[in-house]
C-alpha cells in the first residue's frame, strides 16, 4: 500500500565504538534484539571512517537510506526506507541534533548525554511517533522537552503526558485549597 507521509524506521545514537547510547525503532523489520544490534554494528562499521562532522551525510545501507552526523564521541543516525526523501530524513536528523545541542547547552558528549538520557528519549518522542514525523524545529522540540510550554493556555490536546499530569495536579491542588 502506497503511503503519502514519510516514515522513519529508527533513530540511533551510538558512541564512538558503535555501542548504543539511545536508540528507538519504529517498525518491526528488525524483530529481535540481535537483528537490531547487527544492523547498528553494520551501519557503524560502514560510516565510522567518514567525516560527517560539519554536514549530514547520506548513504544507502542494506536497502535503507541512512542519514548521519557525528559530534565529539557521538554518532547520530536516522533511517528511512529506500523510497523516502533524503532531505526529509536529513531535516529530522538536523532537528534531533540541534535540539540535543540546545538541551545540553552545546555540551554534547557521551557522558553528558548519558547523564541526561531522559531528555534524549523525550526529544526522540517529540520528533517521531510510531515512525511519523511530528516536529523538526529544534527550538520547538527543546521547549517541549524542557516543558517551557506547559502554560495554562496550552490546550490539553497539545500537552505532553507529563505536562497534562502537572496541569491536572495543579487544578486538583487548587480545588482542594478552596
Protein backbone atom coordinates (compact mmCIF):
# COMPACT_ATOMS: atom_id res chain seq x y z
CA UNK A 1 0.00 0.00 0.00
CA UNK A 2 1.34 3.41 -1.00
CA UNK A 3 1.83 5.86 1.85
CA UNK A 4 1.87 9.61 1.47
CA UNK A 5 3.72 10.67 4.58
CA UNK A 6 7.39 9.90 5.15
CA UNK A 7 8.14 7.21 7.72
CA UNK A 8 11.18 6.91 9.93
CA UNK A 9 12.45 3.38 10.56
CA UNK A 10 14.68 4.25 13.51
CA UNK A 11 16.68 6.93 15.29
CA UNK A 12 20.05 5.81 16.58
CA UNK A 13 22.56 7.49 18.85
CA UNK A 14 25.75 5.44 19.11
CA UNK A 15 29.07 6.14 20.81
CA UNK A 16 32.48 6.24 19.13
CA UNK A 17 32.79 2.45 19.49
CA UNK A 18 29.41 1.74 17.90
CA UNK A 19 27.68 0.88 21.17
CA UNK A 20 24.14 2.00 21.95
CA UNK A 21 23.58 5.25 23.79
CA UNK A 22 19.94 5.88 22.83
CA UNK A 23 18.01 4.02 20.13
CA UNK A 24 14.38 3.84 19.13
CA UNK A 25 12.88 1.63 16.42
CA UNK A 26 9.53 2.47 14.83
CA UNK A 27 8.98 -0.64 12.70
CA UNK A 28 9.19 -4.39 13.09
CA UNK A 29 11.70 -5.01 10.30
CA UNK A 30 14.24 -5.89 12.99
CA UNK A 31 12.19 -8.26 15.18
CA UNK A 32 14.86 -9.30 17.66
CA UNK A 33 17.46 -7.53 19.74
CA UNK A 34 20.16 -9.48 17.89
CA UNK A 35 18.96 -8.21 14.50
CA UNK A 36 18.83 -4.63 15.81
CA UNK A 37 22.35 -4.87 17.22
CA UNK A 38 23.61 -6.40 13.95
CA UNK A 39 22.05 -3.54 11.98
CA UNK A 40 23.62 -0.95 14.29
CA UNK A 41 27.01 -2.65 14.06
CA UNK A 42 26.78 -2.78 10.27
CA UNK A 43 25.80 0.89 9.96
CA UNK A 44 28.55 1.96 12.35
CA UNK A 45 31.21 -0.11 10.55
CA UNK A 46 30.27 1.45 7.20
CA UNK A 47 30.19 5.03 8.47
CA UNK A 48 32.90 5.27 11.14
CA UNK A 49 35.64 6.31 8.71
CA UNK A 50 33.63 9.14 7.16
CA UNK A 51 33.91 12.73 8.27
CA UNK A 52 30.27 13.69 8.87
CA UNK A 53 31.04 16.41 11.40
CA UNK A 54 30.10 19.59 9.57
CA UNK A 55 27.17 18.41 7.45
CA UNK A 56 24.96 15.35 7.44
CA UNK A 57 25.98 12.52 5.13
CA UNK A 58 23.53 10.33 3.27
CA UNK A 59 24.11 6.69 2.45
CA UNK A 60 22.27 3.61 1.28
CA UNK A 61 22.89 0.61 3.55
CA UNK A 62 21.16 -2.78 3.41
CA UNK A 63 18.27 -1.32 1.39
CA UNK A 64 17.70 1.64 3.72
CA UNK A 65 18.54 5.31 3.39
CA UNK A 66 20.62 6.36 6.38
CA UNK A 67 21.38 9.99 7.19
CA UNK A 68 24.08 10.53 9.79
CA UNK A 69 26.14 13.16 11.54
CA UNK A 70 28.84 13.00 14.21
CA UNK A 71 29.76 15.28 17.08
CA UNK A 72 32.51 14.59 19.63
CA UNK A 73 32.20 10.91 20.55
CA UNK A 74 28.59 10.50 19.38
CA UNK A 75 27.13 9.30 16.10
CA UNK A 76 23.56 10.37 15.21
CA UNK A 77 21.61 8.30 12.64
CA UNK A 78 18.13 8.48 11.12
CA UNK A 79 16.98 5.62 8.88
CA UNK A 80 14.18 5.52 6.32
CA UNK A 81 13.05 3.16 3.60
CA UNK A 82 14.69 3.20 0.17
CA UNK A 83 11.74 5.21 -1.21
CA UNK A 84 11.92 8.03 1.35
CA UNK A 85 13.07 11.56 0.61
CA UNK A 86 16.64 12.08 1.80
CA UNK A 87 16.05 15.77 2.50
CA UNK A 88 13.20 14.98 4.88
CA UNK A 89 15.34 12.42 6.70
CA UNK A 90 18.17 14.97 6.87
CA UNK A 91 15.75 17.54 8.32
CA UNK A 92 14.71 15.08 11.04
CA UNK A 93 18.36 14.35 11.83
CA UNK A 94 19.24 18.04 11.99
CA UNK A 95 16.24 18.76 14.23
CA UNK A 96 17.28 15.97 16.61
CA UNK A 97 20.93 17.05 16.53
CA UNK A 98 20.13 20.73 17.16
CA UNK A 99 17.52 20.00 19.86
CA UNK A 100 20.03 17.85 21.75
CA UNK A 101 22.62 20.62 21.42
CA UNK A 102 20.14 23.17 22.79
CA UNK A 103 19.05 20.96 25.69
CA UNK A 104 22.64 20.15 26.67
CA UNK A 105 23.82 23.75 26.14
CA UNK A 106 26.23 22.73 23.35
CA UNK A 107 28.00 20.31 25.69
CA UNK A 108 27.21 17.26 23.56
CA UNK A 109 29.37 14.30 24.50
CA UNK A 110 28.69 10.74 25.66
CA UNK A 111 28.98 11.48 29.37
CA UNK A 112 26.60 14.45 29.25
CA UNK A 113 24.12 12.55 27.08
CA UNK A 114 24.13 9.58 29.47
CA UNK A 115 23.54 11.93 32.41
CA UNK A 116 20.55 13.43 30.56
CA UNK A 117 19.26 10.29 28.84
CA UNK A 118 15.68 11.09 29.82
CA UNK A 119 15.86 14.33 27.83
CA UNK A 120 17.28 12.50 24.81
CA UNK A 121 14.43 9.97 24.76
CA UNK A 122 11.85 12.72 25.27
CA UNK A 123 13.47 14.55 22.38
CA UNK A 124 13.11 11.50 20.11
CA UNK A 125 9.49 11.10 21.24
CA UNK A 126 8.71 14.73 20.39
CA UNK A 127 10.23 14.33 16.90
CA UNK A 128 8.83 10.95 15.82
CA UNK A 129 5.85 8.91 16.99
CA UNK A 130 5.32 5.47 15.50
CA UNK A 131 7.56 6.40 12.58
CA UNK A 132 5.56 9.52 11.72
CA UNK A 133 7.41 12.81 11.88
CA UNK A 134 5.78 15.22 14.33
CA UNK A 135 8.28 18.07 14.60
CA UNK A 136 11.65 19.05 13.14
CA UNK A 137 12.15 22.56 14.54
CA UNK A 138 14.86 22.30 17.21
CA UNK A 139 13.62 25.24 19.32
CA UNK A 140 10.09 23.81 19.49
CA UNK A 141 11.38 20.34 20.35
CA UNK A 142 13.70 21.64 23.06
CA UNK A 143 10.95 23.84 24.52
CA UNK A 144 8.54 20.91 24.71
CA UNK A 145 11.14 18.66 26.28
CA UNK A 146 12.16 21.31 28.79
CA UNK A 147 8.43 21.90 29.46
CA UNK A 148 8.71 25.60 28.97
CA UNK A 149 5.44 25.41 27.03
CA UNK A 150 3.42 23.98 29.96
CA UNK A 151 1.45 27.17 30.48
CA UNK A 152 -2.25 27.02 31.31
CA UNK A 153 -3.12 28.45 27.88
CA UNK A 154 -1.73 25.41 26.06
CA UNK A 155 -4.65 23.17 25.02
CA UNK A 156 -4.72 19.81 26.78
CA UNK A 157 -4.55 18.02 23.41
CA UNK A 158 -1.17 19.63 22.68
CA UNK A 159 0.42 18.90 26.05
CA UNK A 160 2.78 16.02 26.69
CA UNK A 161 1.66 13.44 29.24
CA UNK A 162 3.87 14.90 31.96
CA UNK A 163 2.59 18.40 31.20
CA UNK A 164 -1.02 17.18 31.33
CA UNK A 165 -0.38 15.43 34.66
CA UNK A 166 1.24 18.57 36.08
CA UNK A 167 -1.74 20.65 34.95
CA UNK A 168 -4.20 18.13 36.47
CA UNK A 169 -2.20 18.08 39.73
CA UNK A 170 -2.25 21.87 39.85
CA UNK A 171 -6.03 22.01 39.28
CA UNK A 172 -6.61 19.36 41.95
CA UNK A 173 -4.44 21.26 44.45
CA UNK A 174 -6.36 24.48 43.73
CA UNK A 175 -9.73 22.78 44.17
CA UNK A 176 -8.62 21.21 47.48
CA UNK A 177 -7.41 24.56 48.83
CA UNK A 178 -10.73 26.33 48.13
